[in-house]
Amino acid sequence: MSTRALPKQLIPFIDDGSGGSKSLLQVAMDRLEGLVPDERIYVCAGESTREVMLARLPRLDASRFIAEPMGRDTLNAVGLSAAVLTQVDADATIAVFTADHIIEPIDEFLRIVEQGYELAERGERTLVTFGIEPTHAATGYGYLQLGGPIEDTPGSVVDRFREKPEQPVAQTYFDAGPTRYLWNSGMFVWKASSVLAAIHQFAPSNYRKLMELGALWGSPAYDTKLAAVYPTLEKISVDFAIMEPASEHEDFTVTAVPMPLKWLDVGSWPSFMETRPGDEQGNAVAGCKAVMLGTRNTLAASDDPDHLITTIGCEDMVIIHTARATLVCRKQDAEQIKQLHQQVGQSVGDAYL
């Protein structure tokens, strides 16, 4: 359902509670209301999505859209944004949120983010992340290995970032409890100067190029320089590039603030299914009509409200229909969809991507 032209963050398939639907991006923007003024909210995303994003986010002025000519992973999205914002406000403290989360209750979320702001502003070179209390031994999330608590705060020092583990290792993390391990939420707060110092320390080549771009923000030369420089940046995640090495470096303090609330990373169809009301058999339907006979714990979804999906004797399945393609898989295999996506590109070409 997600394509290059319309990525998942822009598909209006999240129930808004009043019979309509919103995109994940709209939900993420609405969730920030009251945290900072609208004029201090920026969106960093692909240039190809600029028009549709601005159309769907009336609170976002075009001057606050930071465009990427292509995806170069999260370090560069974060770094470009920090380099731009430090030109706008040299003393800026930045919270970073991704547009694929469902978080409730919102007032508790905002209270915890405020704690993150306060912690990030305590000192230079402090990098704050938010940790989610694990509900099961998940293999699809990274983990934060916690050290000691930070005095007079709800935060703990992060000793190490642990990448997505195999099942037996995930079970040991889960069994150790939330005082030792939290899921890595991918949300952060830091001073612009702190995160740029980390990029300078651990990814110096990226730092130099990103700062060149930031210095040109708002000038006639910016777009030309962006198109020339951005494709040359090393493609790497913010966790690998700076958070992992910073957690083991004496010049930086990496802190986790726990978020004990309902959190869904809508990165898979099974997690999306958790956002939908289910019937007595645990089945969920999104965007279409469905008749399910002898079927349990199955998701049926389509981008065509007039399309009918029918099943007989299915259990723990994901069935997704669009005008261009159809997916059928077991829920337990949904994490292989990324591999399938690559194979589709190799086998039948980019037209389906």
Protein backbone atom coordinates (compact mmCIF):
# COMPACT_ATOMS: atom_id res chain seq x y z
CA MET A 1 0.00 0.00 0.00
CA SER A 2 2.93 2.29 0.70
CA THR A 3 4.69 3.54 -2.42
CA ARG A 4 7.41 6.06 -3.23
CA ALA A 5 4.74 8.50 -4.40
CA LEU A 6 2.57 7.97 -1.30
CA PRO A 7 4.56 6.54 1.64
CA LYS A 8 2.76 5.01 4.59
CA GLN A 9 2.97 8.20 6.67
CA LEU A 10 0.63 9.91 4.19
CA ILE A 11 -1.99 7.18 3.75
CA PRO A 12 -5.21 8.20 5.58
CA PHE A 13 -5.92 4.86 7.28
CA ILE A 14 -5.83 5.71 11.02
CA ASP A 15 -9.29 5.93 12.59
CA ASP A 16 -9.85 9.49 13.86
CA GLY A 17 -12.60 8.44 16.28
CA SER A 18 -15.40 10.21 14.41
CA GLY A 19 -15.93 7.91 11.43
CA GLY A 20 -13.17 9.47 9.35
CA SER A 21 -9.48 8.74 9.00
CA LYS A 22 -6.14 10.51 9.23
CA SER A 23 -2.64 9.80 8.08
CA LEU A 24 0.12 8.95 10.55
CA LEU A 25 1.72 12.31 9.71
CA GLN A 26 -1.46 14.19 10.63
CA VAL A 27 -1.74 12.20 13.87
CA ALA A 28 1.89 13.01 14.71
CA MET A 29 1.39 16.72 14.04
CA ASP A 30 -1.82 16.86 16.09
CA ARG A 31 -0.08 15.12 18.97
CA LEU A 32 2.39 18.03 19.30
CA GLU A 33 -0.28 20.68 19.78
CA GLY A 34 0.59 22.72 22.84
CA LEU A 35 4.16 21.44 23.10
CA VAL A 36 5.72 24.24 21.07
CA PRO A 37 4.15 26.96 18.89
CA ASP A 38 3.34 25.98 15.31
CA GLU A 39 6.04 28.29 13.97
CA ARG A 40 8.63 26.11 15.74
CA ILE A 41 7.48 22.82 14.18
CA TYR A 42 9.50 21.70 11.16
CA VAL A 43 9.07 18.65 8.93
CA CYS A 44 12.02 16.95 7.26
CA ALA A 45 10.96 14.62 4.44
CA GLY A 46 11.54 13.73 0.82
CA GLU A 47 11.19 16.49 -1.75
CA SER A 48 8.80 14.28 -3.73
CA THR A 49 6.29 14.47 -0.87
CA ARG A 50 6.42 18.25 -0.39
CA GLU A 51 3.16 19.16 -2.14
CA VAL A 52 1.00 16.45 -0.57
CA MET A 53 2.45 17.10 2.90
CA LEU A 54 1.84 20.82 2.74
CA ALA A 55 -1.69 20.19 1.47
CA ARG A 56 -2.48 17.83 4.34
CA LEU A 57 -0.78 19.85 7.08
CA PRO A 58 -2.37 23.30 7.07
CA ARG A 59 -0.43 24.19 10.23
CA LEU A 60 2.88 23.74 8.39
CA ASP A 61 4.21 26.74 6.46
CA ALA A 62 6.29 25.93 3.38
CA SER A 63 9.26 27.76 4.91
CA ARG A 64 9.42 25.06 7.61
CA PHE A 65 9.64 22.11 5.24
CA ILE A 66 13.21 20.76 5.13
CA ALA A 67 13.43 18.73 1.94
CA GLU A 68 15.66 15.75 1.30
CA PRO A 69 16.37 15.19 -2.42
CA MET A 70 16.68 11.50 -1.56
CA GLY A 71 16.68 9.33 1.54
CA ARG A 72 20.09 9.03 3.22
CA ASP A 73 18.88 7.42 6.47
CA THR A 74 18.15 9.07 9.78
CA LEU A 75 21.55 10.56 10.67
CA ASN A 76 21.37 12.91 7.72
CA ALA A 77 17.72 13.83 8.21
CA VAL A 78 18.50 14.68 11.84
CA GLY A 79 21.79 16.37 11.00
CA LEU A 80 20.39 18.50 8.19
CA SER A 81 17.53 19.61 10.42
CA ALA A 82 19.91 20.52 13.25
CA ALA A 83 22.22 22.40 10.89
CA VAL A 84 19.26 24.38 9.54
CA LEU A 85 17.72 25.07 12.95
CA THR A 86 20.99 26.26 14.45
CA GLN A 87 20.92 29.01 11.80
CA VAL A 88 17.41 29.94 12.91
CA ASP A 89 18.25 29.77 16.64
CA ALA A 90 21.79 28.99 17.81
CA ASP A 91 20.48 27.98 21.24
CA ALA A 92 17.69 25.72 19.96
CA THR A 93 16.73 22.55 21.80
CA ILE A 94 15.21 20.08 19.36
CA ALA A 95 12.80 17.21 19.90
CA VAL A 96 12.79 14.62 17.11
CA PHE A 97 9.68 12.54 16.41
CA THR A 98 8.92 10.09 13.63
CA ALA A 99 5.58 10.03 11.84
CA ASP A 100 4.76 6.35 12.31
CA HIS A 101 3.80 6.15 15.98
CA ILE A 102 0.48 5.87 17.79
CA ILE A 103 0.89 7.18 21.36
CA GLU A 104 -1.74 7.48 24.08
CA PRO A 105 -2.63 9.23 26.32
CA ILE A 106 -1.36 12.40 24.67
CA ASP A 107 -1.29 14.56 27.81
CA GLU A 108 1.03 12.04 29.48
CA PHE A 109 3.19 11.93 26.36
CA LEU A 110 3.56 15.72 26.41
CA ARG A 111 4.44 15.70 30.12
CA ILE A 112 7.22 13.15 29.54
CA VAL A 113 8.59 15.07 26.53
CA GLU A 114 8.81 18.18 28.72
CA GLN A 115 10.93 16.13 31.12
CA GLY A 116 13.16 15.26 28.18
CA TYR A 117 13.54 18.93 27.27
CA GLU A 118 14.55 19.80 30.84
CA LEU A 119 17.10 16.98 30.92
CA ALA A 120 18.60 17.92 27.54
CA GLU A 121 19.01 21.53 28.63
CA ARG A 122 20.89 20.64 31.83
CA GLY A 123 24.24 20.51 30.13
CA GLU A 124 26.14 20.37 26.89
CA ARG A 125 26.60 17.08 25.07
CA THR A 126 23.55 15.46 26.62
CA LEU A 127 21.55 13.28 24.24
CA VAL A 128 18.10 12.21 25.47
CA THR A 129 16.11 9.32 24.09
CA PHE A 130 12.76 7.91 25.20
CA GLY A 131 12.41 4.27 26.14
CA ILE A 132 9.26 2.17 25.94
CA GLU A 133 8.57 -0.50 28.54
CA PRO A 134 8.58 -3.84 26.66
CA THR A 135 5.31 -5.74 26.62
CA HIS A 136 6.87 -8.89 25.15
CA ALA A 137 10.21 -10.24 23.95
CA ALA A 138 10.12 -8.39 20.63
CA THR A 139 12.75 -9.04 17.97
CA GLY A 140 11.65 -6.12 15.79
CA TYR A 141 12.87 -3.32 18.09
CA GLY A 142 16.25 -2.19 19.34
CA TYR A 143 16.81 -2.11 23.10
CA LEU A 144 18.33 0.42 25.50
CA GLN A 145 20.54 -1.17 28.16
CA LEU A 146 20.18 1.04 31.22
CA GLY A 147 22.81 1.96 33.79
CA GLY A 148 22.26 4.01 36.92
CA PRO A 149 19.55 6.63 37.47
CA ILE A 150 20.25 10.34 36.99
CA GLU A 151 19.68 12.25 40.21
CA ASP A 152 16.46 14.26 40.53
CA THR A 153 15.19 13.10 37.11
CA PRO A 154 13.16 10.17 35.79
CA GLY A 155 16.01 9.35 33.43
CA SER A 156 18.73 6.70 33.48
CA VAL A 157 22.11 6.56 31.81
CA VAL A 158 22.15 4.41 28.66
CA ASP A 159 25.09 2.01 28.89
CA ARG A 160 24.61 0.51 25.45
CA PHE A 161 22.30 0.42 22.47
CA ARG A 162 21.38 -3.13 21.56
CA GLU A 163 20.28 -3.81 18.01
CA LYS A 164 17.28 -5.97 17.12
CA PRO A 165 18.06 -9.26 18.87
CA GLU A 166 17.38 -12.89 18.10
CA GLN A 167 14.47 -14.41 20.04
CA PRO A 168 16.48 -16.02 22.89
CA VAL A 169 18.37 -12.77 23.52
CA ALA A 170 15.16 -10.72 23.36
CA GLN A 171 13.70 -13.03 26.00
CA THR A 172 16.63 -12.38 28.35
CA TYR A 173 16.15 -8.61 27.91
CA PHE A 174 12.44 -8.91 28.60
CA ASP A 175 13.00 -11.13 31.64
CA ALA A 176 15.50 -8.62 33.08
CA GLY A 177 12.69 -6.07 33.37
CA PRO A 178 12.21 -2.40 32.42
CA THR A 179 14.74 -1.13 34.96
CA ARG A 180 17.43 -2.80 32.83
CA TYR A 181 16.07 -2.77 29.28
CA LEU A 182 13.63 -0.56 27.39
CA TRP A 183 12.64 -0.57 23.75
CA ASN A 184 14.35 2.13 21.71
CA SER A 185 11.51 4.40 20.58
CA GLY A 186 13.50 6.40 18.00
CA MET A 187 12.40 9.70 19.61
CA PHE A 188 15.00 12.14 20.92
CA VAL A 189 15.59 15.54 22.56
CA TRP A 190 18.88 17.42 22.45
CA LYS A 191 20.38 20.84 22.04
CA ALA A 192 21.22 21.53 18.41
CA SER A 193 24.79 22.18 19.54
CA SER A 194 24.93 18.80 21.34
CA VAL A 195 23.78 16.65 18.44
CA LEU A 196 26.00 18.56 16.01
CA ALA A 197 28.95 18.00 18.37
CA ALA A 198 28.19 14.27 18.30
CA ILE A 199 28.04 14.24 14.49
CA HIS A 200 31.31 16.17 14.39
CA GLN A 201 32.91 13.63 16.75
CA PHE A 202 31.63 10.40 15.21
CA ALA A 203 30.74 11.25 11.58
CA PRO A 204 33.06 14.15 10.68
CA SER A 205 32.64 13.86 6.91
CA ASN A 206 28.86 14.10 7.20
CA TYR A 207 29.20 16.96 9.70
CA ARG A 208 31.27 19.14 7.36
CA LYS A 209 28.85 18.73 4.47
CA LEU A 210 25.72 19.19 6.61
CA MET A 211 27.08 22.40 8.12
CA GLU A 212 27.84 23.73 4.63
CA LEU A 213 24.19 23.14 3.75
CA GLY A 214 22.90 24.68 6.96
CA ALA A 215 24.91 27.85 6.37
CA LEU A 216 23.17 28.31 3.02
CA TRP A 217 19.61 27.77 4.32
CA GLY A 218 17.29 30.39 2.85
CA SER A 219 19.80 31.59 0.25
CA PRO A 220 19.48 31.26 -3.56
CA ALA A 221 22.43 28.85 -3.57
CA TYR A 222 20.87 26.37 -1.12
CA ASP A 223 18.90 24.14 -3.50
CA THR A 224 21.79 23.73 -5.93
CA LYS A 225 24.22 22.88 -3.14
CA LEU A 226 21.73 20.46 -1.55
CA ALA A 227 21.27 18.57 -4.83
CA ALA A 228 25.05 18.26 -5.25
CA VAL A 229 26.02 17.41 -1.67
CA TYR A 230 23.21 15.32 -0.20
CA PRO A 231 23.71 12.25 -2.44
CA THR A 232 27.37 12.10 -1.32
CA LEU A 233 26.55 11.77 2.39
CA GLU A 234 27.25 8.41 4.00
CA LYS A 235 23.94 6.61 4.44
CA ILE A 236 23.71 5.58 8.08
CA SER A 237 21.20 5.63 10.94
CA VAL A 238 21.41 8.06 13.84
CA ASP A 239 21.66 5.12 16.26
CA PHE A 240 24.64 3.51 14.55
CA ALA A 241 26.38 6.79 13.74
CA ILE A 242 26.18 8.73 17.00
CA MET A 243 23.96 7.24 19.72
CA GLU A 244 25.85 3.97 20.08
CA PRO A 245 29.36 5.49 20.19
CA ALA A 246 28.21 8.44 22.32
CA SER A 247 26.83 6.07 24.96
CA GLU A 248 30.35 4.67 25.40
CA HIS A 249 32.25 7.98 25.15
CA GLU A 250 33.23 10.00 28.21
CA ASP A 251 32.49 13.35 26.56
CA PHE A 252 28.79 12.58 26.05
CA THR A 253 25.90 11.60 28.30
CA VAL A 254 23.17 9.48 26.71
CA THR A 255 20.02 9.32 28.79
CA ALA A 256 16.78 7.36 28.50
CA VAL A 257 13.52 8.76 29.85
CA PRO A 258 10.91 6.02 30.26
CA MET A 259 7.54 6.41 28.50
CA PRO A 260 5.14 4.10 30.37
CA LEU A 261 2.19 4.57 28.03
CA LYS A 262 0.51 2.95 25.05
CA TRP A 263 2.95 3.09 22.14
CA LEU A 264 2.68 1.48 18.76
CA ASP A 265 5.34 1.71 16.10
CA VAL A 266 3.13 1.27 13.04
CA GLY A 267 5.92 -0.30 11.05
CA SER A 268 4.09 -3.50 10.18
CA TRP A 269 0.59 -4.70 9.38
CA PRO A 270 0.25 -6.58 12.70
CA SER A 271 1.06 -3.36 14.60
CA PHE A 272 -1.39 -1.43 12.41
CA MET A 273 -4.00 -4.09 13.22
CA GLU A 274 -3.71 -3.09 16.89
CA THR A 275 -5.04 0.38 15.99
CA ARG A 276 -8.28 -1.08 14.60
CA PRO A 277 -11.33 -2.29 16.52
CA GLY A 278 -11.67 -6.06 16.24
CA ASP A 279 -14.72 -8.32 16.08
CA GLU A 280 -15.46 -11.17 18.47
CA GLN A 281 -13.02 -13.42 16.61
CA GLY A 282 -10.21 -10.85 16.73
CA ASN A 283 -10.52 -9.92 13.04
CA ALA A 284 -9.95 -6.33 11.89
CA VAL A 285 -10.99 -4.55 8.70
CA ALA A 286 -9.62 -1.30 7.28
CA GLY A 287 -10.72 0.73 4.28
CA CYS A 288 -12.99 -1.87 2.67
CA LYS A 289 -15.83 -4.35 3.16
CA ALA A 290 -15.13 -7.84 4.45
CA VAL A 291 -17.02 -11.08 5.13
CA MET A 292 -15.04 -13.61 7.14
CA LEU A 293 -16.26 -17.17 7.65
CA GLY A 294 -14.56 -19.34 10.25
CA THR A 295 -11.74 -16.81 10.44
CA ARG A 296 -9.78 -15.60 13.48
CA ASN A 297 -7.18 -12.90 14.23
CA THR A 298 -6.95 -11.80 10.60
CA LEU A 299 -6.52 -8.34 9.08
CA ALA A 300 -8.25 -7.42 5.81
CA ALA A 301 -7.43 -4.00 4.35
CA SER A 302 -7.76 -2.16 1.04
CA ASP A 303 -7.39 1.32 -0.40
CA ASP A 304 -10.72 0.84 -2.21
CA PRO A 305 -13.78 1.31 0.05
CA ASP A 306 -15.98 -0.57 -2.45
CA HIS A 307 -13.73 -3.62 -2.57
CA LEU A 308 -14.91 -6.78 -0.81
CA ILE A 309 -12.46 -9.19 0.84
CA THR A 310 -13.83 -12.61 1.81
CA THR A 311 -12.14 -15.41 3.74
CA ILE A 312 -12.89 -18.97 4.80
CA GLY A 313 -11.02 -20.76 7.54
CA CYS A 314 -8.16 -18.30 7.87
CA GLU A 315 -6.25 -17.68 11.10
CA ASP A 316 -3.53 -15.16 12.00
CA MET A 317 -3.36 -13.79 8.44
CA VAL A 318 -2.73 -10.42 6.79
CA ILE A 319 -4.62 -9.72 3.53
CA ILE A 320 -3.96 -6.38 1.80
CA HIS A 321 -5.52 -5.39 -1.52
CA THR A 322 -4.75 -2.38 -3.71
CA ALA A 323 -5.43 -1.60 -7.35
CA ARG A 324 -1.86 -2.54 -8.23
CA ALA A 325 -1.02 -5.43 -5.95
CA THR A 326 -2.28 -7.88 -3.33
CA LEU A 327 -0.42 -9.26 -0.30
CA VAL A 328 -1.31 -12.41 1.63
CA CYS A 329 0.90 -13.60 4.49
CA ARG A 330 0.87 -15.01 7.98
CA LYS A 331 1.10 -12.37 10.71
CA GLN A 332 4.22 -14.04 12.06
CA ASP A 333 5.95 -13.50 8.70
CA ALA A 334 5.05 -9.82 8.30
CA GLU A 335 8.58 -8.66 9.14
CA GLN A 336 9.73 -10.26 5.86
CA ILE A 337 7.72 -7.74 3.82
CA LYS A 338 10.82 -5.54 3.40
CA GLN A 339 12.65 -8.49 1.85
CA LEU A 340 9.64 -9.17 -0.36
CA HIS A 341 9.58 -5.53 -1.43
CA GLN A 342 13.20 -5.79 -2.61
CA GLN A 343 12.42 -8.99 -4.50
CA VAL A 344 9.43 -7.36 -6.20
CA GLY A 345 11.71 -4.59 -7.48
CA GLN A 346 14.21 -7.12 -8.80
CA SER A 347 11.59 -9.40 -10.36
CA VAL A 348 8.96 -7.09 -11.86
CA GLY A 349 10.50 -3.63 -11.75
CA ASP A 350 10.02 -0.30 -9.98
CA ALA A 351 6.49 0.26 -11.31
CA TYR A 352 5.11 -1.60 -8.29
CA LEU A 353 7.26 0.25 -5.73
